[in-house]
Amino acid sequence: MKKLAGMAMLVACALFIGIDGWAQMGSAAPALQTAAGSKAESHNKEGIEHYNKGHWDVAKKHFTEAAKEDPKSAEVHYNVALTLDKLGDHKGATEHFKTAFDLGKNNADIQNSGILKAHLKMK
């Protein structure tokens, strides 16, 4: 009986952790829209849709294409960085966060981003 109770407790804990992780999935830093009229707007929108669904590889593909179309878009570099972070490529994420920070001096969402500051080791 103790063994069964222990197993039940273990299953309950695993379910709680899984549900909690799933609930937090949407709490990631939000991807950013590009400026209206940007050449990257279409790929960026598609990337955001996939990012919001947790399709990191597909989002990365679209954000990377967006960066090719508008390499001066701070928002696109920020989005690439967010996705690379989700995929575990923290070196690549840091490079794109740095570019986003440098290009996005007038974007408060970028300048005040906690994840960007963590990657760039800023306070």
C-alpha atoms as a PDB file:
ATOM      1  CA  MET A   1       0.000   0.000   0.000  1.00  0.00           C
ATOM      2  CA  LYS A   2       2.858   2.393   0.825  1.00  0.00           C
ATOM      3  CA  LYS A   3       4.412   1.580  -2.531  1.00  0.00           C
ATOM      4  CA  LEU A   4       1.157   2.435  -4.331  1.00  0.00           C
ATOM      5  CA  ALA A   5       0.803   5.703  -2.401  1.00  0.00           C
ATOM      6  CA  GLY A   6       4.399   6.598  -3.250  1.00  0.00           C
ATOM      7  CA  MET A   7       3.783   5.887  -6.933  1.00  0.00           C
ATOM      8  CA  ALA A   8       0.620   7.994  -6.879  1.00  0.00           C
ATOM      9  CA  MET A   9       2.531  10.875  -5.294  1.00  0.00           C
ATOM     10  CA  LEU A  10       5.278  10.578  -7.903  1.00  0.00           C
ATOM     11  CA  VAL A  11       2.743  10.641 -10.761  1.00  0.00           C
ATOM     12  CA  ALA A  12       0.957  13.630  -9.217  1.00  0.00           C
ATOM     13  CA  CYS A  13       4.227  15.551  -8.930  1.00  0.00           C
ATOM     14  CA  ALA A  14       5.175  14.728 -12.525  1.00  0.00           C
ATOM     15  CA  LEU A  15       1.785  15.917 -13.750  1.00  0.00           C
ATOM     16  CA  PHE A  16       2.038  19.130 -11.741  1.00  0.00           C
ATOM     17  CA  ILE A  17       5.508  19.877 -13.110  1.00  0.00           C
ATOM     18  CA  GLY A  18       4.361  19.128 -16.661  1.00  0.00           C
ATOM     19  CA  ILE A  19       1.250  21.297 -16.374  1.00  0.00           C
ATOM     20  CA  ASP A  20       3.226  24.107 -14.750  1.00  0.00           C
ATOM     21  CA  GLY A  21       5.824  23.981 -17.546  1.00  0.00           C
ATOM     22  CA  TRP A  22       3.091  24.030 -20.174  1.00  0.00           C
ATOM     23  CA  ALA A  23       1.403  27.005 -18.500  1.00  0.00           C
ATOM     24  CA  GLN A  24       4.673  28.930 -18.433  1.00  0.00           C
ATOM     25  CA  MET A  25       5.384  28.249 -22.108  1.00  0.00           C
ATOM     26  CA  GLY A  26       3.387  31.329 -23.083  1.00  0.00           C
ATOM     27  CA  SER A  27       5.252  33.509 -20.589  1.00  0.00           C
ATOM     28  CA  ALA A  28       8.335  33.766 -22.801  1.00  0.00           C
ATOM     29  CA  ALA A  29       9.485  37.208 -23.888  1.00  0.00           C
ATOM     30  CA  PRO A  30       7.202  38.263 -26.737  1.00  0.00           C
ATOM     31  CA  ALA A  31       8.526  38.528 -30.264  1.00  0.00           C
ATOM     32  CA  LEU A  32       8.326  42.024 -31.735  1.00  0.00           C
ATOM     33  CA  GLN A  33       6.606  43.392 -34.831  1.00  0.00           C
ATOM     34  CA  THR A  34       8.723  45.154 -37.440  1.00  0.00           C
ATOM     35  CA  ALA A  35       8.118  48.738 -38.432  1.00  0.00           C
ATOM     36  CA  ALA A  36       5.279  49.157 -40.916  1.00  0.00           C
ATOM     37  CA  GLY A  37       6.507  48.821 -44.473  1.00  0.00           C
ATOM     38  CA  SER A  38       9.630  46.842 -43.577  1.00  0.00           C
ATOM     39  CA  LYS A  39      10.751  44.402 -46.277  1.00  0.00           C
ATOM     40  CA  ALA A  40      10.894  41.813 -43.489  1.00  0.00           C
ATOM     41  CA  GLU A  41       7.280  42.275 -42.370  1.00  0.00           C
ATOM     42  CA  SER A  42       5.839  39.148 -44.022  1.00  0.00           C
ATOM     43  CA  HIS A  43       8.477  36.690 -42.792  1.00  0.00           C
ATOM     44  CA  ASN A  44       8.517  38.343 -39.378  1.00  0.00           C
ATOM     45  CA  LYS A  45       4.731  37.953 -38.972  1.00  0.00           C
ATOM     46  CA  GLU A  46       4.980  34.302 -39.988  1.00  0.00           C
ATOM     47  CA  GLY A  47       7.851  33.827 -37.547  1.00  0.00           C
ATOM     48  CA  ILE A  48       5.847  35.375 -34.711  1.00  0.00           C
ATOM     49  CA  GLU A  49       2.933  33.007 -35.361  1.00  0.00           C
ATOM     50  CA  HIS A  50       5.236  29.987 -35.101  1.00  0.00           C
ATOM     51  CA  TYR A  51       7.166  31.441 -32.137  1.00  0.00           C
ATOM     52  CA  ASN A  52       3.916  31.884 -30.218  1.00  0.00           C
ATOM     53  CA  LYS A  53       3.065  28.223 -30.874  1.00  0.00           C
ATOM     54  CA  GLY A  54       6.481  27.004 -29.720  1.00  0.00           C
ATOM     55  CA  HIS A  55       7.579  25.965 -33.236  1.00  0.00           C
ATOM     56  CA  TRP A  56      11.107  27.232 -32.660  1.00  0.00           C
ATOM     57  CA  ASP A  57      12.743  25.737 -35.787  1.00  0.00           C
ATOM     58  CA  VAL A  58      10.077  27.140 -38.120  1.00  0.00           C
ATOM     59  CA  ALA A  59      10.122  30.512 -36.358  1.00  0.00           C
ATOM     60  CA  LYS A  60      13.913  30.620 -36.686  1.00  0.00           C
ATOM     61  CA  LYS A  61      13.644  29.973 -40.431  1.00  0.00           C
ATOM     62  CA  HIS A  62      11.211  32.862 -40.923  1.00  0.00           C
ATOM     63  CA  PHE A  63      13.082  35.267 -38.658  1.00  0.00           C
ATOM     64  CA  THR A  64      16.362  34.433 -40.420  1.00  0.00           C
ATOM     65  CA  GLU A  65      14.740  35.151 -43.788  1.00  0.00           C
ATOM     66  CA  ALA A  66      13.369  38.395 -42.369  1.00  0.00           C
ATOM     67  CA  ALA A  67      16.887  39.382 -41.258  1.00  0.00           C
ATOM     68  CA  LYS A  68      18.155  38.794 -44.801  1.00  0.00           C
ATOM     69  CA  GLU A  69      15.374  40.995 -46.189  1.00  0.00           C
ATOM     70  CA  ASP A  70      15.939  43.800 -43.667  1.00  0.00           C
ATOM     71  CA  PRO A  71      19.310  43.430 -41.931  1.00  0.00           C
ATOM     72  CA  LYS A  72      18.865  46.830 -40.213  1.00  0.00           C
ATOM     73  CA  SER A  73      15.685  45.760 -38.389  1.00  0.00           C
ATOM     74  CA  ALA A  74      16.414  45.662 -34.675  1.00  0.00           C
ATOM     75  CA  GLU A  75      13.128  43.841 -34.060  1.00  0.00           C
ATOM     76  CA  VAL A  76      14.011  41.031 -36.451  1.00  0.00           C
ATOM     77  CA  HIS A  77      17.413  40.501 -34.822  1.00  0.00           C
ATOM     78  CA  TYR A  78      15.720  40.515 -31.430  1.00  0.00           C
ATOM     79  CA  ASN A  79      13.276  37.840 -32.642  1.00  0.00           C
ATOM     80  CA  VAL A  80      16.082  35.709 -34.068  1.00  0.00           C
ATOM     81  CA  ALA A  81      17.823  35.993 -30.700  1.00  0.00           C
ATOM     82  CA  LEU A  82      14.710  34.954 -28.762  1.00  0.00           C
ATOM     83  CA  THR A  83      14.325  31.890 -30.951  1.00  0.00           C
ATOM     84  CA  LEU A  84      17.995  30.913 -30.771  1.00  0.00           C
ATOM     85  CA  ASP A  85      17.742  31.177 -26.988  1.00  0.00           C
ATOM     86  CA  LYS A  86      14.760  28.797 -27.027  1.00  0.00           C
ATOM     87  CA  LEU A  87      16.787  26.386 -29.179  1.00  0.00           C
ATOM     88  CA  GLY A  88      19.712  26.514 -26.734  1.00  0.00           C
ATOM     89  CA  ASP A  89      22.079  28.451 -29.032  1.00  0.00           C
ATOM     90  CA  HIS A  90      23.022  31.073 -26.461  1.00  0.00           C
ATOM     91  CA  LYS A  91      26.131  32.247 -28.313  1.00  0.00           C
ATOM     92  CA  GLY A  92      24.091  32.943 -31.433  1.00  0.00           C
ATOM     93  CA  ALA A  93      21.346  34.538 -29.359  1.00  0.00           C
ATOM     94  CA  THR A  94      23.857  36.860 -27.703  1.00  0.00           C
ATOM     95  CA  GLU A  95      25.181  37.987 -31.101  1.00  0.00           C
ATOM     96  CA  HIS A  96      21.682  38.841 -32.345  1.00  0.00           C
ATOM     97  CA  PHE A  97      20.728  40.511 -29.048  1.00  0.00           C
ATOM     98  CA  LYS A  98      23.839  42.717 -29.392  1.00  0.00           C
ATOM     99  CA  THR A  99      22.844  43.669 -32.949  1.00  0.00           C
ATOM    100  CA  ALA A 100      19.259  44.348 -31.832  1.00  0.00           C
ATOM    101  CA  PHE A 101      20.509  46.515 -28.960  1.00  0.00           C
ATOM    102  CA  ASP A 102      22.804  48.515 -31.249  1.00  0.00           C
ATOM    103  CA  LEU A 103      20.169  48.999 -33.968  1.00  0.00           C
ATOM    104  CA  GLY A 104      17.219  49.529 -31.631  1.00  0.00           C
ATOM    105  CA  LYS A 105      18.321  52.546 -29.620  1.00  0.00           C
ATOM    106  CA  ASN A 106      14.816  54.047 -29.971  1.00  0.00           C
ATOM    107  CA  ASN A 107      12.935  50.847 -29.106  1.00  0.00           C
ATOM    108  CA  ALA A 108      12.173  50.677 -25.381  1.00  0.00           C
ATOM    109  CA  ASP A 109      11.059  47.034 -25.635  1.00  0.00           C
ATOM    110  CA  ILE A 110      14.535  46.105 -26.836  1.00  0.00           C
ATOM    111  CA  GLN A 111      16.500  48.465 -24.595  1.00  0.00           C
ATOM    112  CA  ASN A 112      14.650  47.307 -21.466  1.00  0.00           C
ATOM    113  CA  SER A 113      14.458  43.599 -22.294  1.00  0.00           C
ATOM    114  CA  GLY A 114      15.439  41.399 -19.374  1.00  0.00           C
ATOM    115  CA  ILE A 115      16.476  38.469 -21.555  1.00  0.00           C
ATOM    116  CA  LEU A 116      18.613  40.749 -23.741  1.00  0.00           C
ATOM    117  CA  LYS A 117      20.280  42.248 -20.668  1.00  0.00           C
ATOM    118  CA  ALA A 118      20.915  38.772 -19.269  1.00  0.00           C
ATOM    119  CA  HIS A 119      22.625  37.678 -22.480  1.00  0.00           C
ATOM    120  CA  LEU A 120      24.669  40.863 -22.698  1.00  0.00           C
ATOM    121  CA  LYS A 121      25.335  40.720 -18.935  1.00  0.00           C
ATOM    122  CA  MET A 122      23.878  44.185 -18.371  1.00  0.00           C
ATOM    123  CA  LYS A 123      22.083  45.464 -15.274  1.00  0.00           C
END
